[in-house]
Protein backbone atom coordinates (compact mmCIF):
# COMPACT_ATOMS: atom_id res chain seq x y z
CA MET A 1 72.32 111.19 92.75
CA PRO A 2 74.76 109.46 96.13
CA ARG A 3 75.12 105.99 96.28
CA ASP A 4 77.70 105.34 98.44
CA ILE A 5 76.64 104.67 102.45
CA PRO A 6 78.30 105.94 104.64
CA LEU A 7 80.01 103.77 107.37
CA GLN A 8 81.80 103.61 110.02
CA GLY A 9 83.39 100.21 110.31
CA ALA A 10 83.78 99.78 106.07
CA ARG A 11 85.04 101.54 103.63
CA ASN A 12 83.85 100.18 100.29
CA VAL A 13 79.96 100.39 100.80
CA ARG A 14 77.53 101.40 97.81
CA ASP A 15 73.75 100.58 97.05
CA LEU A 16 74.17 99.87 92.63
CA GLY A 17 70.75 101.80 92.31
CA GLY A 18 70.24 105.20 90.50
CA LEU A 19 73.01 104.47 87.93
CA TYR A 20 71.16 104.00 84.73
CA ASN A 21 70.22 101.77 81.51
CA ARG A 22 70.83 101.89 78.31
CA ALA A 23 67.30 102.55 77.30
CA GLY A 24 67.47 105.02 79.84
CA GLN A 25 65.98 103.79 83.25
CA PRO A 26 67.22 104.15 86.39
CA LEU A 27 67.66 100.71 88.39
CA ARG A 28 66.39 100.60 91.92
CA THR A 29 67.67 101.48 94.51
CA HIS A 30 67.72 99.62 97.90
CA ARG A 31 67.67 96.27 96.08
CA PHE A 32 70.69 95.77 95.44
CA ILE A 33 74.31 96.83 97.73
CA ARG A 34 78.06 95.95 97.03
CA ALA A 35 80.69 96.11 100.53
CA ASP A 36 83.58 95.40 101.77
CA SER A 37 84.51 93.46 104.92
CA LEU A 38 82.04 93.91 107.47
CA GLU A 39 83.54 92.42 110.92
CA SER A 40 84.14 96.02 112.33
CA LEU A 41 80.53 97.36 111.74
CA HIS A 42 79.46 99.26 114.80
CA ALA A 43 76.77 99.25 116.35
CA MET A 44 75.44 102.29 114.42
CA ASP A 45 76.70 100.85 111.51
CA VAL A 46 74.40 97.90 111.66
CA ILE A 47 71.27 100.50 112.89
CA ARG A 48 71.58 102.21 109.29
CA LEU A 49 71.72 99.15 107.22
CA LEU A 50 68.75 97.97 108.84
CA ASP A 51 66.93 100.95 108.59
CA TYR A 52 67.80 101.28 104.66
CA GLY A 53 66.46 98.03 103.99
CA VAL A 54 69.39 95.12 104.23
CA ARG A 55 67.63 92.01 104.91
CA VAL A 56 70.14 89.22 103.32
CA ASP A 57 73.65 89.46 103.27
CA ILE A 58 75.66 87.34 100.77
CA ASP A 59 79.41 86.87 102.20
CA LEU A 60 81.28 85.74 99.61
CA ARG A 61 85.11 85.18 101.01
CA GLY A 62 85.76 81.97 101.91
CA LEU A 63 85.64 79.83 104.65
CA ARG A 64 88.80 80.63 106.55
CA GLU A 65 88.21 84.03 105.91
CA ARG A 66 84.58 84.48 107.76
CA ARG A 67 86.52 82.02 110.54
CA GLN A 68 89.25 84.82 110.78
CA TRP A 69 87.53 88.09 110.41
CA GLY A 70 83.99 87.90 110.97
CA ASP A 71 80.62 89.21 110.02
CA ALA A 72 78.54 91.90 112.07
CA LEU A 73 75.80 91.27 110.13
CA SER A 74 76.05 86.70 110.91
CA ARG A 75 74.04 87.83 114.23
CA ILE A 76 71.48 89.60 113.52
CA SER A 77 68.13 87.84 113.68
CA GLU A 78 66.39 89.76 110.85
CA ILE A 79 69.21 89.43 108.23
CA GLU A 80 69.38 86.37 106.49
CA TYR A 81 73.20 85.18 106.80
CA ALA A 82 74.17 83.81 103.30
CA PRO A 83 77.74 82.37 103.19
CA ILE A 84 78.98 81.41 99.35
CA ALA A 85 82.53 80.99 98.86
CA LEU A 86 82.46 82.08 95.48
CA LEU A 87 86.54 81.22 94.33
CA ASP A 88 86.53 78.60 96.51
CA GLY A 89 88.48 75.32 94.06
CA LEU A 90 89.52 77.83 91.19
CA GLU A 91 93.22 78.17 93.22
CA ALA A 92 92.93 73.98 91.42
CA HIS A 93 92.55 75.11 88.28
CA LEU A 94 95.81 77.78 87.96
CA ASP A 95 98.81 76.61 87.35
CA ALA A 96 100.37 79.34 88.73
CA LEU A 97 99.09 83.67 89.86
CA PRO A 98 97.77 85.70 87.25
CA ALA A 99 99.03 88.11 85.23
CA SER A 100 96.87 90.15 85.84
CA LEU A 101 93.17 90.93 88.03
CA GLY A 102 91.18 90.25 84.78
CA ALA A 103 93.30 87.57 83.80
CA LEU A 104 91.39 86.07 87.56
CA TYR A 105 88.51 87.40 86.55
CA VAL A 106 88.24 85.95 83.51
CA ALA A 107 89.23 82.65 84.52
CA ALA A 108 87.00 83.33 87.40
CA LEU A 109 83.76 83.26 85.19
CA GLN A 110 84.94 79.62 83.46
CA TYR A 111 85.32 77.55 86.52
CA CYS A 112 83.38 78.76 88.90
CA GLN A 113 80.33 78.97 87.88
CA SER A 114 79.20 76.75 91.17
CA GLY A 115 79.12 79.31 92.98
CA PHE A 116 77.84 82.38 90.95
CA LEU A 117 75.00 79.92 90.09
CA GLU A 118 74.21 79.86 94.10
CA ILE A 119 74.63 83.19 94.22
CA PHE A 120 71.63 84.40 91.71
CA ARG A 121 69.07 81.75 92.90
CA GLN A 122 69.68 82.98 96.05
CA MET A 123 69.17 86.41 95.05
CA LEU A 124 66.27 85.44 93.26
CA ALA A 125 64.78 83.46 96.42
CA GLN A 126 63.82 87.09 97.77
CA PRO A 127 62.97 89.23 94.91
CA ASP A 128 61.66 91.24 97.16
CA ALA A 129 64.65 92.31 100.02
CA CYS A 130 67.24 94.23 99.66
CA VAL A 131 70.21 91.96 99.24
CA LEU A 132 73.69 93.82 100.32
CA PHE A 133 76.74 91.11 98.86
CA HIS A 134 80.91 91.79 100.06
CA CYS A 135 83.62 90.20 99.64
CA SER A 136 86.39 91.84 101.87
CA ALA A 137 87.35 94.65 99.56
CA GLY A 138 84.93 95.00 97.93
CA LYS A 139 85.97 94.90 94.37
CA ASP A 140 87.72 91.70 93.20
CA ARG A 141 84.07 88.47 93.63
CA THR A 142 81.83 91.91 94.28
CA GLY A 143 83.40 93.67 91.87
CA MET A 144 82.58 90.55 89.57
CA VAL A 145 79.30 90.10 90.89
CA ALA A 146 77.71 93.38 90.55
CA ALA A 147 79.31 93.65 87.14
CA LEU A 148 77.06 90.60 85.56
CA LEU A 149 74.17 92.40 87.46
CA LEU A 150 74.93 95.69 86.29
CA SER A 151 75.65 94.22 82.75
CA LEU A 152 72.11 92.13 82.89
CA ALA A 153 70.31 95.54 83.78
CA GLY A 154 72.30 97.27 80.28
CA VAL A 155 73.99 99.33 82.32
CA PRO A 156 76.84 100.54 79.57
CA ASP A 157 80.21 99.11 80.19
CA ALA A 158 81.78 102.76 81.06
CA GLU A 159 79.68 102.99 84.31
CA ILE A 160 80.09 99.53 84.82
CA VAL A 161 83.94 100.41 84.52
CA SER A 162 83.53 103.83 86.44
CA ASP A 163 81.99 101.43 89.26
CA TYR A 164 84.39 99.03 89.65
CA VAL A 165 86.77 101.80 89.79
CA GLN A 166 84.90 103.64 92.54
CA SER A 167 86.48 101.00 94.91
CA ALA A 168 89.37 102.08 94.86
CA ALA A 169 89.05 105.90 95.73
CA ASN A 170 87.09 104.38 98.59
CA LEU A 171 90.04 102.34 99.75
CA SER A 172 93.24 104.16 98.95
CA GLN A 173 93.89 103.59 102.10
CA THR A 174 93.71 100.52 102.68
CA LEU A 175 95.47 99.57 99.44
CA GLU A 176 98.57 101.38 100.14
CA GLN A 177 98.97 99.44 103.55
CA LEU A 178 98.60 96.27 102.00
CA SER A 179 100.96 97.08 99.21
CA VAL A 180 104.07 97.66 101.00
CA GLN A 181 103.06 94.62 103.12
CA ASN A 182 102.54 92.14 100.17
CA ALA A 183 105.21 90.46 98.81
CA PRO A 184 105.96 92.44 94.55
CA GLU A 185 104.82 89.50 92.50
CA LEU A 186 101.00 90.26 94.52
CA ARG A 187 101.08 93.67 94.05
CA HIS A 188 99.58 93.87 90.41
CA LEU A 189 96.12 92.02 91.74
CA LEU A 190 95.95 94.57 94.52
CA GLY A 191 94.39 97.99 92.37
CA ALA A 192 90.98 98.44 90.66
CA GLU A 193 92.09 99.72 87.33
CA PRO A 194 89.56 99.98 84.35
CA GLU A 195 91.63 97.55 82.16
CA HIS A 196 90.43 94.74 84.59
CA MET A 197 87.09 95.08 84.29
CA ILE A 198 87.73 96.46 80.61
CA LEU A 199 88.59 92.76 79.80
CA PHE A 200 85.78 91.20 82.52
CA LEU A 201 83.51 92.60 80.19
CA ASP A 202 85.21 92.09 77.07
CA GLN A 203 85.17 88.22 77.64
CA LEU A 204 82.02 87.79 78.43
CA ARG A 205 80.76 89.09 75.79
CA GLN A 206 83.12 87.42 73.31
CA ARG A 207 83.11 83.51 75.78
CA TYR A 208 79.45 83.75 76.86
CA ASP A 209 77.38 86.23 74.65
CA GLY A 210 77.14 87.95 77.85
CA ALA A 211 75.75 88.51 81.42
CA MET A 212 71.93 86.85 79.62
CA GLY A 213 74.16 84.19 78.07
CA TYR A 214 76.54 83.18 80.38
CA LEU A 215 73.72 82.75 83.52
CA THR A 216 72.08 81.30 81.30
CA LEU A 217 75.01 78.57 80.32
CA ILE A 218 75.57 78.20 84.61
CA GLY A 219 71.80 77.23 84.96
CA LEU A 220 69.26 79.65 85.24
CA GLN A 221 65.69 79.20 82.99
CA PRO A 222 65.30 82.40 81.09
CA ALA A 223 62.06 83.16 83.34
CA GLU A 224 64.58 83.88 86.18
CA ILE A 225 67.32 85.61 84.28
CA ALA A 226 63.93 87.56 83.65
CA ALA A 227 62.72 87.63 87.52
CA LEU A 228 66.07 89.28 87.97
CA ARG A 229 66.47 91.35 85.52
CA ALA A 230 62.98 92.66 86.19
CA SER A 231 64.19 92.51 90.41
CA MET A 232 66.07 95.95 89.25
CA PHE A 233 63.67 97.94 88.60
CA ASP A 234 60.97 99.72 90.14
């Protein structure tokens, strides 16, 4: 089943629905959509997302990013716009650039718990709505949130990693341009190699006893976690 949602003004948009968990249950479509930056959406893109059912837009970017690039869905009255700067404050806890994207993701699990909690509470507030969440490239902040949702749903690690790596294919031209434009010491943070998500999932299990343990730690109640998981299935 095709999961990508082709748009003219965004390249990395896909439904989490259509994947299967370990019990063979398909995840519900039109519930959670991951995306990259939405500032360049065409009018027909907006109509397509509305027709698809999107009613909540969680913007994971920081304030400076939002001010500089904007979000086309933030001006649509039918869509609730929820800016939540997931990585705010992370830099204060880091002495240097992480050695890898995987290390950055693991640090985010430790230091960005309030942001993750706000995101999942926003998702819980509308359990029947189609929720789109995005950052700039749709691979790092978006990738972590998607991985937590998929892991909670019981999707096998191999499928979660495959979903993560898909961003590199969708953004190949963009990532190549960024690699040329950025300093060499930053280029290792531009890809979406499988080992980064493998490390994230391994540490999620080892440090927090998996997605359910992590969501409990950051403040969700067992009934809320159960409701979030149930909302991903028909």
